[in-house]
Amino acid sequence: MDGAHAPGQLPLHLESLGVDFYTGNLHKWCFAPRGSAFLWVAPKHKEFIQPLVTSWLYGKTMRDQFFMQGTMDHTPYLCVKQALKFYRSLGGRTAILDYVTPLLDWAQQMLCHALGTPVLPVPASMQAPYMRVLRLPENNKYTAIREDAEKFIDAIISERVIVIIVAFSGHLWLRISGNVYNCREDYIILKDKLMEMLKD
């Protein structure tokens, strides 16, 4: 899993990973606003890391230099404490996973049955906890090329449905996500829109 998606989805013990650098987003699964991200740097590298944009704290600690970058909006970062408090108040990763796993498993199978297509064969150990992937059927409107995948995304977003569609290995693939604010009705709406849009 890429680092951006791991916070909130996977247990994350940065000190024991043995990495030199790690960056992750908090807006994807930790309920923080967009732009809330963090950079973790192994202690042995901290003295060499500087931001591309500098301000009047140049030469100070790494933390100070990254925080003070002129007129940058700090609102997303100021919201992180409350976002993480909300995440914990839901029961944390365990409680969220207990809700999301059966919901996404159901949604994936329901969509596959309706569309007559298979899931992406991902080993269980590599499956993202809050996401699932399934193949979209071949159709005359959108072929398995990146440009058509992007057109498909634009078309379905205009219907107020947000999903990711990619062209890969000769097929279009649909990635669905789930969180505590989702319910079965959301995926039924998705199914109905997909069926409508894929009609010849």
N, C-alpha and C. Protein backbone atom coordinates (compact mmCIF):
# COMPACT_ATOMS: atom_id res chain seq x y z
N MET A 1 0.86 -1.19 0.00
CA MET A 1 0.00 0.00 0.00
C MET A 1 0.89 1.23 0.00
N ASP A 2 0.48 2.27 -0.73
CA ASP A 2 1.31 3.46 -0.73
C ASP A 2 1.16 4.21 0.58
N GLY A 3 2.17 4.98 0.90
CA GLY A 3 2.20 5.68 2.18
C GLY A 3 1.07 6.64 2.39
N ALA A 4 0.58 7.25 1.30
CA ALA A 4 -0.48 8.24 1.43
C ALA A 4 -1.74 7.63 2.04
N HIS A 5 -2.05 6.38 1.70
CA HIS A 5 -3.29 5.74 2.13
C HIS A 5 -3.17 4.99 3.45
N ALA A 6 -1.98 4.76 3.95
CA ALA A 6 -1.82 3.90 5.12
C ALA A 6 -2.36 4.50 6.42
N PRO A 7 -2.11 5.79 6.73
CA PRO A 7 -2.60 6.31 8.02
C PRO A 7 -4.12 6.16 8.14
N GLY A 8 -4.55 5.50 9.20
CA GLY A 8 -5.97 5.27 9.41
C GLY A 8 -6.44 3.92 8.91
N GLN A 9 -5.75 3.36 7.91
CA GLN A 9 -6.11 2.05 7.37
C GLN A 9 -5.28 0.92 7.97
N LEU A 10 -4.02 1.18 8.20
CA LEU A 10 -3.10 0.15 8.68
C LEU A 10 -2.43 0.58 9.98
N PRO A 11 -2.05 -0.37 10.83
CA PRO A 11 -1.22 0.00 11.98
C PRO A 11 0.09 0.58 11.45
N LEU A 12 0.51 1.68 12.00
CA LEU A 12 1.68 2.37 11.45
C LEU A 12 2.68 2.63 12.56
N HIS A 13 3.78 1.90 12.56
CA HIS A 13 4.83 2.05 13.57
C HIS A 13 6.10 2.48 12.84
N LEU A 14 6.22 3.77 12.64
CA LEU A 14 7.28 4.29 11.77
C LEU A 14 8.67 3.99 12.29
N GLU A 15 8.85 4.04 13.59
CA GLU A 15 10.19 3.81 14.13
C GLU A 15 10.69 2.40 13.82
N SER A 16 9.77 1.42 13.79
CA SER A 16 10.19 0.04 13.57
C SER A 16 10.19 -0.36 12.09
N LEU A 17 9.72 0.51 11.21
CA LEU A 17 9.72 0.18 9.77
C LEU A 17 11.13 0.19 9.19
N GLY A 18 12.00 0.95 9.80
CA GLY A 18 13.38 1.01 9.31
C GLY A 18 13.53 1.86 8.06
N VAL A 19 12.60 2.79 7.83
CA VAL A 19 12.66 3.64 6.64
C VAL A 19 13.42 4.93 6.95
N ASP A 20 13.94 5.52 5.91
CA ASP A 20 14.61 6.82 6.06
C ASP A 20 13.60 7.96 6.04
N PHE A 21 12.58 7.84 5.17
CA PHE A 21 11.58 8.89 5.02
C PHE A 21 10.21 8.23 4.83
N TYR A 22 9.19 8.91 5.29
CA TYR A 22 7.83 8.41 5.08
C TYR A 22 6.90 9.61 5.05
N THR A 23 5.98 9.61 4.08
CA THR A 23 4.96 10.66 4.06
C THR A 23 3.59 10.01 3.91
N GLY A 24 2.63 10.54 4.62
CA GLY A 24 1.27 9.99 4.59
C GLY A 24 0.25 11.10 4.70
N ASN A 25 -0.94 10.84 4.19
CA ASN A 25 -2.03 11.82 4.23
C ASN A 25 -2.99 11.48 5.36
N LEU A 26 -3.52 12.50 5.99
CA LEU A 26 -4.51 12.32 7.04
C LEU A 26 -5.92 12.65 6.55
N HIS A 27 -6.04 13.18 5.34
CA HIS A 27 -7.38 13.50 4.83
C HIS A 27 -8.07 12.29 4.21
N LYS A 28 -7.33 11.23 3.91
CA LYS A 28 -7.95 10.09 3.25
C LYS A 28 -8.77 9.24 4.23
N TRP A 29 -8.19 8.86 5.37
CA TRP A 29 -8.86 7.92 6.27
C TRP A 29 -8.90 8.39 7.72
N CYS A 30 -8.40 9.58 7.99
CA CYS A 30 -8.37 10.07 9.38
C CYS A 30 -9.27 11.28 9.60
N PHE A 31 -10.13 11.58 8.62
CA PHE A 31 -11.16 12.61 8.76
C PHE A 31 -10.63 14.04 8.85
N ALA A 32 -9.39 14.26 8.48
CA ALA A 32 -8.83 15.62 8.47
C ALA A 32 -9.08 16.27 7.12
N PRO A 33 -8.99 17.60 7.04
CA PRO A 33 -9.20 18.28 5.75
C PRO A 33 -8.08 17.97 4.75
N ARG A 34 -8.38 18.15 3.49
CA ARG A 34 -7.35 17.99 2.46
C ARG A 34 -6.18 18.92 2.75
N GLY A 35 -5.01 18.41 2.44
CA GLY A 35 -3.80 19.18 2.73
C GLY A 35 -3.17 18.79 4.05
N SER A 36 -3.85 17.92 4.80
CA SER A 36 -3.28 17.44 6.07
C SER A 36 -2.42 16.22 5.78
N ALA A 37 -1.14 16.43 5.85
CA ALA A 37 -0.19 15.34 5.58
C ALA A 37 0.98 15.49 6.53
N PHE A 38 1.79 14.45 6.58
CA PHE A 38 2.97 14.56 7.43
C PHE A 38 4.17 13.92 6.73
N LEU A 39 5.33 14.40 7.10
CA LEU A 39 6.60 13.85 6.64
C LEU A 39 7.34 13.35 7.87
N TRP A 40 7.69 12.07 7.86
CA TRP A 40 8.50 11.51 8.94
C TRP A 40 9.90 11.29 8.41
N VAL A 41 10.88 11.75 9.17
CA VAL A 41 12.29 11.64 8.77
C VAL A 41 13.05 10.93 9.88
N ALA A 42 13.82 9.92 9.51
CA ALA A 42 14.64 9.23 10.50
C ALA A 42 15.58 10.23 11.16
N PRO A 43 15.79 10.12 12.44
CA PRO A 43 16.62 11.11 13.15
C PRO A 43 17.97 11.38 12.50
N LYS A 44 18.60 10.36 11.91
CA LYS A 44 19.93 10.57 11.33
C LYS A 44 19.91 11.49 10.11
N HIS A 45 18.73 11.74 9.54
CA HIS A 45 18.64 12.59 8.35
C HIS A 45 18.09 13.99 8.63
N LYS A 46 17.63 14.25 9.82
CA LYS A 46 16.91 15.50 10.09
C LYS A 46 17.73 16.75 9.81
N GLU A 47 19.00 16.69 10.08
CA GLU A 47 19.81 17.90 9.89
C GLU A 47 20.01 18.27 8.42
N PHE A 48 19.72 17.33 7.51
CA PHE A 48 19.92 17.58 6.09
C PHE A 48 18.63 18.00 5.36
N ILE A 49 17.48 17.88 6.02
CA ILE A 49 16.20 18.12 5.36
C ILE A 49 15.76 19.56 5.55
N GLN A 50 15.45 20.22 4.43
CA GLN A 50 14.95 21.59 4.46
C GLN A 50 13.79 21.70 3.49
N PRO A 51 12.83 22.58 3.77
CA PRO A 51 11.71 22.76 2.83
C PRO A 51 12.17 23.50 1.58
N LEU A 52 11.45 23.29 0.48
CA LEU A 52 11.76 24.01 -0.75
C LEU A 52 11.46 25.49 -0.62
N VAL A 53 10.44 25.81 0.17
CA VAL A 53 10.08 27.21 0.42
C VAL A 53 10.56 27.55 1.82
N THR A 54 11.25 28.67 1.95
CA THR A 54 11.76 29.05 3.26
C THR A 54 11.19 30.40 3.66
N SER A 55 11.33 30.72 4.92
CA SER A 55 10.86 32.00 5.43
C SER A 55 11.82 32.46 6.51
N TRP A 56 11.33 33.25 7.44
CA TRP A 56 12.24 33.85 8.41
C TRP A 56 12.74 32.89 9.48
N LEU A 57 12.29 31.62 9.46
CA LEU A 57 12.84 30.63 10.40
C LEU A 57 13.90 29.75 9.73
N TYR A 58 14.43 30.21 8.59
CA TYR A 58 15.49 29.46 7.91
C TYR A 58 16.65 29.21 8.87
N GLY A 59 17.13 27.96 8.86
CA GLY A 59 18.26 27.61 9.71
C GLY A 59 17.85 27.15 11.10
N LYS A 60 16.55 27.27 11.42
CA LYS A 60 16.07 26.80 12.73
C LYS A 60 15.81 25.29 12.64
N THR A 61 15.03 24.75 13.56
CA THR A 61 14.75 23.31 13.55
C THR A 61 13.96 22.93 12.30
N MET A 62 14.04 21.67 11.94
CA MET A 62 13.29 21.19 10.79
C MET A 62 11.80 21.47 10.97
N ARG A 63 11.30 21.22 12.15
CA ARG A 63 9.88 21.45 12.43
C ARG A 63 9.50 22.91 12.21
N ASP A 64 10.30 23.81 12.73
CA ASP A 64 10.00 25.25 12.57
C ASP A 64 10.05 25.66 11.10
N GLN A 65 11.04 25.19 10.39
CA GLN A 65 11.18 25.59 8.98
C GLN A 65 10.01 25.11 8.13
N PHE A 66 9.55 23.88 8.38
CA PHE A 66 8.44 23.36 7.60
C PHE A 66 7.12 24.02 7.99
N PHE A 67 7.00 24.42 9.26
CA PHE A 67 5.76 25.03 9.69
C PHE A 67 5.65 26.47 9.21
N MET A 68 6.71 27.23 9.32
CA MET A 68 6.65 28.65 8.97
C MET A 68 7.09 28.84 7.53
N GLN A 69 6.10 28.87 6.62
CA GLN A 69 6.40 29.06 5.20
C GLN A 69 5.57 30.22 4.66
N GLY A 70 5.81 31.37 5.22
CA GLY A 70 5.15 32.58 4.73
C GLY A 70 3.65 32.55 4.99
N THR A 71 2.87 32.76 3.94
CA THR A 71 1.42 32.91 4.09
C THR A 71 0.66 31.61 3.87
N MET A 72 1.32 30.47 4.03
CA MET A 72 0.66 29.19 3.86
C MET A 72 -0.51 29.05 4.85
N ASP A 73 -1.62 28.50 4.38
CA ASP A 73 -2.79 28.29 5.23
C ASP A 73 -2.56 27.09 6.15
N HIS A 74 -2.59 27.30 7.44
CA HIS A 74 -2.35 26.25 8.41
C HIS A 74 -3.62 25.55 8.88
N THR A 75 -4.77 25.95 8.35
CA THR A 75 -6.03 25.39 8.82
C THR A 75 -6.07 23.87 8.81
N PRO A 76 -5.66 23.20 7.71
CA PRO A 76 -5.72 21.74 7.73
C PRO A 76 -4.93 21.12 8.88
N TYR A 77 -3.77 21.68 9.19
CA TYR A 77 -2.95 21.13 10.26
C TYR A 77 -3.56 21.38 11.63
N LEU A 78 -4.21 22.55 11.78
CA LEU A 78 -4.83 22.87 13.05
C LEU A 78 -6.04 21.98 13.35
N CYS A 79 -6.60 21.37 12.30
CA CYS A 79 -7.76 20.48 12.47
C CYS A 79 -7.36 19.04 12.80
N VAL A 80 -6.10 18.70 12.64
CA VAL A 80 -5.66 17.30 12.78
C VAL A 80 -5.94 16.75 14.17
N LYS A 81 -5.69 17.53 15.21
CA LYS A 81 -5.90 17.03 16.57
C LYS A 81 -7.35 16.60 16.77
N GLN A 82 -8.29 17.42 16.34
CA GLN A 82 -9.71 17.08 16.49
C GLN A 82 -10.10 15.92 15.59
N ALA A 83 -9.52 15.87 14.39
CA ALA A 83 -9.82 14.77 13.47
C ALA A 83 -9.39 13.44 14.08
N LEU A 84 -8.20 13.40 14.65
CA LEU A 84 -7.72 12.16 15.27
C LEU A 84 -8.51 11.82 16.54
N LYS A 85 -8.96 12.84 17.25
CA LYS A 85 -9.83 12.60 18.41
C LYS A 85 -11.14 11.97 17.95
N PHE A 86 -11.70 12.46 16.85
CA PHE A 86 -12.93 11.89 16.31
C PHE A 86 -12.70 10.44 15.87
N TYR A 87 -11.59 10.20 15.19
CA TYR A 87 -11.22 8.84 14.75
C TYR A 87 -11.21 7.89 15.94
N ARG A 88 -10.57 8.31 17.03
CA ARG A 88 -10.51 7.46 18.23
C ARG A 88 -11.88 7.31 18.88
N SER A 89 -12.70 8.36 18.82
CA SER A 89 -14.03 8.29 19.45
C SER A 89 -14.94 7.28 18.75
N LEU A 90 -14.66 6.98 17.49
CA LEU A 90 -15.43 5.98 16.76
C LEU A 90 -15.03 4.55 17.16
N GLY A 91 -13.96 4.45 17.89
CA GLY A 91 -13.43 3.14 18.27
C GLY A 91 -12.14 2.81 17.58
N GLY A 92 -11.61 3.80 16.82
CA GLY A 92 -10.34 3.61 16.13
C GLY A 92 -10.44 2.62 14.98
N ARG A 93 -9.29 2.18 14.55
CA ARG A 93 -9.20 1.33 13.37
C ARG A 93 -10.01 0.04 13.51
N THR A 94 -9.98 -0.58 14.68
CA THR A 94 -10.68 -1.85 14.87
C THR A 94 -12.18 -1.70 14.65
N ALA A 95 -12.79 -0.69 15.27
CA ALA A 95 -14.23 -0.49 15.13
C ALA A 95 -14.60 -0.10 13.71
N ILE A 96 -13.80 0.76 13.09
CA ILE A 96 -14.09 1.17 11.71
C ILE A 96 -13.99 -0.03 10.78
N LEU A 97 -12.96 -0.83 10.97
CA LEU A 97 -12.77 -2.02 10.14
C LEU A 97 -13.92 -3.01 10.33
N ASP A 98 -14.40 -3.16 11.55
CA ASP A 98 -15.51 -4.07 11.81
C ASP A 98 -16.78 -3.64 11.07
N TYR A 99 -16.93 -2.34 10.87
CA TYR A 99 -18.10 -1.84 10.13
C TYR A 99 -17.88 -1.92 8.62
N VAL A 100 -16.68 -1.48 8.19
CA VAL A 100 -16.42 -1.32 6.76
C VAL A 100 -16.22 -2.65 6.04
N THR A 101 -15.54 -3.61 6.64
CA THR A 101 -15.22 -4.87 5.95
C THR A 101 -16.46 -5.58 5.41
N PRO A 102 -17.47 -5.88 6.23
CA PRO A 102 -18.64 -6.56 5.66
C PRO A 102 -19.39 -5.70 4.65
N LEU A 103 -19.39 -4.38 4.86
CA LEU A 103 -20.08 -3.50 3.93
C LEU A 103 -19.42 -3.55 2.55
N LEU A 104 -18.08 -3.43 2.51
CA LEU A 104 -17.37 -3.44 1.23
C LEU A 104 -17.40 -4.82 0.58
N ASP A 105 -17.30 -5.87 1.38
CA ASP A 105 -17.38 -7.22 0.80
C ASP A 105 -18.74 -7.42 0.14
N TRP A 106 -19.79 -6.97 0.81
CA TRP A 106 -21.13 -7.06 0.23
C TRP A 106 -21.23 -6.22 -1.05
N ALA A 107 -20.75 -4.97 -0.98
CA ALA A 107 -20.85 -4.06 -2.13
C ALA A 107 -20.09 -4.62 -3.33
N GLN A 108 -18.91 -5.14 -3.10
CA GLN A 108 -18.11 -5.69 -4.19
C GLN A 108 -18.84 -6.85 -4.86
N GLN A 109 -19.37 -7.77 -4.06
CA GLN A 109 -20.07 -8.92 -4.63
C GLN A 109 -21.37 -8.51 -5.32
N MET A 110 -22.08 -7.57 -4.73
CA MET A 110 -23.33 -7.08 -5.33
C MET A 110 -23.06 -6.45 -6.68
N LEU A 111 -22.02 -5.62 -6.76
CA LEU A 111 -21.68 -4.96 -8.02
C LEU A 111 -21.21 -5.97 -9.07
N CYS A 112 -20.38 -6.91 -8.66
CA CYS A 112 -19.90 -7.94 -9.59
C CYS A 112 -21.07 -8.75 -10.15
N HIS A 113 -22.00 -9.10 -9.29
CA HIS A 113 -23.17 -9.87 -9.73
C HIS A 113 -24.00 -9.05 -10.72
N ALA A 114 -24.23 -7.78 -10.40
CA ALA A 114 -25.05 -6.92 -11.27
C ALA A 114 -24.37 -6.68 -12.62
N LEU A 115 -23.06 -6.51 -12.61
CA LEU A 115 -22.33 -6.18 -13.84
C LEU A 115 -21.83 -7.42 -14.57
N GLY A 116 -21.87 -8.56 -13.91
CA GLY A 116 -21.38 -9.80 -14.53
C GLY A 116 -19.89 -9.81 -14.73
N THR A 117 -19.16 -9.29 -13.74
CA THR A 117 -17.70 -9.20 -13.86
C THR A 117 -17.03 -9.70 -12.59
N PRO A 118 -15.73 -10.02 -12.66
CA PRO A 118 -15.02 -10.53 -11.49
C PRO A 118 -14.34 -9.41 -10.69
N VAL A 119 -13.90 -9.77 -9.50
CA VAL A 119 -13.09 -8.87 -8.69
C VAL A 119 -11.65 -8.93 -9.19
N LEU A 120 -10.87 -7.94 -8.83
CA LEU A 120 -9.43 -8.00 -9.09
C LEU A 120 -8.84 -9.01 -8.12
N PRO A 121 -8.15 -10.05 -8.64
CA PRO A 121 -7.65 -11.10 -7.74
C PRO A 121 -6.44 -10.64 -6.92
N VAL A 122 -6.73 -9.98 -5.83
CA VAL A 122 -5.68 -9.48 -4.93
C VAL A 122 -5.60 -10.41 -3.73
N PRO A 123 -4.40 -10.88 -3.37
CA PRO A 123 -4.28 -11.71 -2.16
C PRO A 123 -4.80 -10.94 -0.94
N ALA A 124 -5.42 -11.65 -0.02
CA ALA A 124 -6.00 -11.01 1.17
C ALA A 124 -4.97 -10.17 1.91
N SER A 125 -3.72 -10.63 1.93
CA SER A 125 -2.68 -9.90 2.66
C SER A 125 -2.33 -8.57 1.99
N MET A 126 -2.73 -8.39 0.73
CA MET A 126 -2.41 -7.16 0.01
C MET A 126 -3.64 -6.27 -0.22
N GLN A 127 -4.79 -6.69 0.26
CA GLN A 127 -6.02 -5.93 0.04
C GLN A 127 -6.07 -4.73 0.98
N ALA A 128 -6.38 -3.58 0.44
CA ALA A 128 -6.52 -2.38 1.27
C ALA A 128 -7.79 -2.51 2.11
N PRO A 129 -7.71 -2.29 3.42
CA PRO A 129 -8.85 -2.51 4.29
C PRO A 129 -10.12 -1.75 3.91
N TYR A 130 -9.99 -0.52 3.43
CA TYR A 130 -11.18 0.30 3.17
C TYR A 130 -11.45 0.48 1.68
N MET A 131 -10.88 -0.39 0.84
CA MET A 131 -11.10 -0.28 -0.60
C MET A 131 -11.25 -1.66 -1.22
N ARG A 132 -11.97 -1.73 -2.35
CA ARG A 132 -12.11 -2.96 -3.12
C ARG A 132 -12.05 -2.60 -4.60
N VAL A 133 -11.65 -3.57 -5.43
CA VAL A 133 -11.53 -3.35 -6.87
C VAL A 133 -12.28 -4.44 -7.61
N LEU A 134 -13.01 -4.05 -8.66
CA LEU A 134 -13.68 -5.02 -9.51
C LEU A 134 -13.61 -4.55 -10.96
N ARG A 135 -13.72 -5.51 -11.86
CA ARG A 135 -13.62 -5.20 -13.28
C ARG A 135 -14.96 -4.68 -13.79
N LEU A 136 -14.88 -3.68 -14.65
CA LEU A 136 -16.08 -3.19 -15.32
C LEU A 136 -16.28 -3.99 -16.61
N PRO A 137 -17.52 -4.16 -17.03
CA PRO A 137 -17.75 -4.94 -18.25
C PRO A 137 -17.30 -4.19 -19.49
N GLU A 138 -16.97 -4.93 -20.52
CA GLU A 138 -16.67 -4.29 -21.80
C GLU A 138 -17.93 -3.63 -22.31
N ASN A 139 -17.75 -2.47 -22.94
CA ASN A 139 -18.91 -1.72 -23.43
C ASN A 139 -18.50 -0.88 -24.62
N ASN A 140 -19.46 -0.32 -25.30
CA ASN A 140 -19.18 0.45 -26.51
C ASN A 140 -18.88 1.92 -26.23
N LYS A 141 -19.05 2.36 -25.00
CA LYS A 141 -18.85 3.78 -24.70
C LYS A 141 -17.44 4.08 -24.18
N TYR A 142 -16.91 3.19 -23.36
CA TYR A 142 -15.63 3.44 -22.72
C TYR A 142 -14.72 2.23 -22.91
N THR A 143 -13.64 2.44 -23.64
CA THR A 143 -12.70 1.35 -23.88
C THR A 143 -11.63 1.35 -22.79
N ALA A 144 -10.79 0.34 -22.80
CA ALA A 144 -9.79 0.16 -21.74
C ALA A 144 -8.53 0.98 -22.00
N ILE A 145 -8.71 2.29 -22.14
CA ILE A 145 -7.59 3.21 -22.27
C ILE A 145 -7.74 4.31 -21.22
N ARG A 146 -6.63 4.92 -20.85
CA ARG A 146 -6.65 5.90 -19.78
C ARG A 146 -7.60 7.06 -20.06
N GLU A 147 -7.60 7.53 -21.31
CA GLU A 147 -8.45 8.68 -21.65
C GLU A 147 -9.92 8.35 -21.43
N ASP A 148 -10.33 7.13 -21.80
CA ASP A 148 -11.73 6.74 -21.59
C ASP A 148 -12.04 6.54 -20.11
N ALA A 149 -11.07 6.03 -19.36
CA ALA A 149 -11.28 5.90 -17.91
C ALA A 149 -11.52 7.27 -17.30
N GLU A 150 -10.76 8.26 -17.73
CA GLU A 150 -10.93 9.62 -17.21
C GLU A 150 -12.27 10.21 -17.64
N LYS A 151 -12.69 9.93 -18.88
CA LYS A 151 -14.02 10.40 -19.33
C LYS A 151 -15.12 9.76 -18.51
N PHE A 152 -14.96 8.48 -18.21
CA PHE A 152 -15.95 7.76 -17.41
C PHE A 152 -16.05 8.38 -16.02
N ILE A 153 -14.91 8.67 -15.42
CA ILE A 153 -14.91 9.30 -14.10
C ILE A 153 -15.63 10.63 -14.15
N ASP A 154 -15.30 11.46 -15.16
CA ASP A 154 -15.96 12.77 -15.28
C ASP A 154 -17.47 12.62 -15.43
N ALA A 155 -17.87 11.63 -16.22
CA ALA A 155 -19.31 11.42 -16.47
C ALA A 155 -20.04 10.99 -15.20
N ILE A 156 -19.44 10.10 -14.44
CA ILE A 156 -20.13 9.61 -13.25
C ILE A 156 -20.08 10.64 -12.12
N ILE A 157 -19.01 11.44 -12.07
CA ILE A 157 -18.95 12.52 -11.08
C ILE A 157 -20.06 13.53 -11.35
N SER A 158 -20.36 13.78 -12.62
CA SER A 158 -21.44 14.72 -12.95
C SER A 158 -22.79 14.21 -12.45
N GLU A 159 -22.86 12.91 -12.15
CA GLU A 159 -24.06 12.31 -11.57
C GLU A 159 -23.98 12.26 -10.04
N ARG A 160 -22.99 12.94 -9.49
CA ARG A 160 -22.78 13.05 -8.04
C ARG A 160 -22.43 11.71 -7.39
N VAL A 161 -21.65 10.91 -8.12
CA VAL A 161 -21.14 9.65 -7.61
C VAL A 161 -19.62 9.69 -7.76
N ILE A 162 -18.91 9.45 -6.67
CA ILE A 162 -17.45 9.55 -6.70
C ILE A 162 -16.83 8.16 -6.60
N VAL A 163 -16.13 7.76 -7.64
CA VAL A 163 -15.37 6.51 -7.66
C VAL A 163 -14.10 6.74 -8.48
N ILE A 164 -13.22 5.78 -8.44
CA ILE A 164 -12.02 5.81 -9.26
C ILE A 164 -12.13 4.71 -10.30
N ILE A 165 -11.83 5.05 -11.54
CA ILE A 165 -11.82 4.08 -12.64
C ILE A 165 -10.47 4.18 -13.33
N VAL A 166 -9.82 3.04 -13.54
CA VAL A 166 -8.53 3.03 -14.21
C VAL A 166 -8.53 1.99 -15.32
N ALA A 167 -7.68 2.23 -16.32
CA ALA A 167 -7.46 1.25 -17.38
C ALA A 167 -6.19 0.48 -17.03
N PHE A 168 -6.33 -0.85 -16.99
CA PHE A 168 -5.19 -1.68 -16.59
C PHE A 168 -5.35 -3.06 -17.20
N SER A 169 -4.30 -3.56 -17.82
CA SER A 169 -4.26 -4.92 -18.32
C SER A 169 -5.43 -5.25 -19.25
N GLY A 170 -5.77 -4.29 -20.10
CA GLY A 170 -6.80 -4.52 -21.11
C GLY A 170 -8.22 -4.41 -20.63
N HIS A 171 -8.43 -3.88 -19.42
CA HIS A 171 -9.78 -3.73 -18.88
C HIS A 171 -9.91 -2.41 -18.12
N LEU A 172 -11.15 -1.99 -17.92
CA LEU A 172 -11.43 -0.89 -17.00
C LEU A 172 -11.74 -1.51 -15.63
N TRP A 173 -11.19 -0.89 -14.58
CA TRP A 173 -11.38 -1.38 -13.23
C TRP A 173 -11.97 -0.28 -12.37
N LEU A 174 -12.88 -0.67 -11.49
CA LEU A 174 -13.57 0.26 -10.59
C LEU A 174 -13.06 0.04 -9.17
N ARG A 175 -12.64 1.13 -8.54
CA ARG A 175 -12.24 1.06 -7.13
C ARG A 175 -13.31 1.72 -6.28
N ILE A 176 -13.84 0.96 -5.34
CA ILE A 176 -14.80 1.53 -4.41
C ILE A 176 -14.14 1.66 -3.04
N SER A 177 -14.65 2.60 -2.27
CA SER A 177 -14.13 2.84 -0.93
C SER A 177 -15.28 2.79 0.06
N GLY A 178 -14.94 2.64 1.32
CA GLY A 178 -15.97 2.65 2.35
C GLY A 178 -15.45 3.26 3.64
N ASN A 179 -16.36 3.89 4.36
CA ASN A 179 -16.03 4.40 5.68
C ASN A 179 -17.29 4.40 6.53
N VAL A 180 -17.21 4.92 7.74
CA VAL A 180 -18.33 4.83 8.66
C VAL A 180 -19.56 5.60 8.19
N TYR A 181 -19.38 6.55 7.28
CA TYR A 181 -20.51 7.33 6.79
C TYR A 181 -21.18 6.69 5.58
N ASN A 182 -20.69 5.55 5.12
CA ASN A 182 -21.30 4.85 3.99
C ASN A 182 -22.30 3.80 4.46
N CYS A 183 -23.25 3.49 3.58
CA CYS A 183 -24.23 2.45 3.86
C CYS A 183 -24.55 1.73 2.55
N ARG A 184 -25.31 0.66 2.61
CA ARG A 184 -25.60 -0.14 1.42
C ARG A 184 -26.26 0.68 0.33
N GLU A 185 -27.10 1.61 0.71
CA GLU A 185 -27.81 2.42 -0.28
C GLU A 185 -26.85 3.18 -1.19
N ASP A 186 -25.69 3.59 -0.65
CA ASP A 186 -24.70 4.30 -1.47
C ASP A 186 -24.24 3.45 -2.64
N TYR A 187 -24.01 2.18 -2.39
CA TYR A 187 -23.50 1.29 -3.42
C TYR A 187 -24.60 0.84 -4.39
N ILE A 188 -25.83 0.84 -3.90
CA ILE A 188 -26.97 0.56 -4.80
C ILE A 188 -27.14 1.71 -5.78
N ILE A 189 -26.97 2.94 -5.29
CA ILE A 189 -27.01 4.10 -6.19
C ILE A 189 -25.89 4.00 -7.22
N LEU A 190 -24.69 3.61 -6.77
CA LEU A 190 -23.57 3.42 -7.69
C LEU A 190 -23.91 2.38 -8.74
N LYS A 191 -24.46 1.26 -8.31
CA LYS A 191 -24.81 0.19 -9.25
C LYS A 191 -25.81 0.70 -10.29
N ASP A 192 -26.84 1.41 -9.84
CA ASP A 192 -27.85 1.90 -10.77
C ASP A 192 -27.26 2.89 -11.78
N LYS A 193 -26.37 3.76 -11.31
CA LYS A 193 -25.73 4.72 -12.23
C LYS A 193 -24.83 4.00 -13.22
N LEU A 194 -24.07 3.02 -12.74
CA LEU A 194 -23.20 2.28 -13.66
C LEU A 194 -24.01 1.55 -14.72
N MET A 195 -25.08 0.88 -14.31
CA MET A 195 -25.91 0.15 -15.25
C MET A 195 -26.51 1.09 -16.29
N GLU A 196 -26.91 2.25 -15.84
CA GLU A 196 -27.50 3.26 -16.75
C GLU A 196 -26.45 3.78 -17.73
N MET A 197 -25.26 4.05 -17.23
CA MET A 197 -24.22 4.65 -18.08
C MET A 197 -23.60 3.64 -19.04
N LEU A 198 -23.65 2.36 -18.68
CA LEU A 198 -23.03 1.34 -19.55
C LEU A 198 -24.01 0.76 -20.56
N LYS A 199 -25.25 1.20 -20.52
CA LYS A 199 -26.22 0.70 -21.49
C LYS A 199 -25.84 1.12 -22.90
N ASP A 200 -26.04 0.23 -23.86
CA ASP A 200 -25.74 0.58 -25.27
C ASP A 200 -26.78 1.58 -25.78
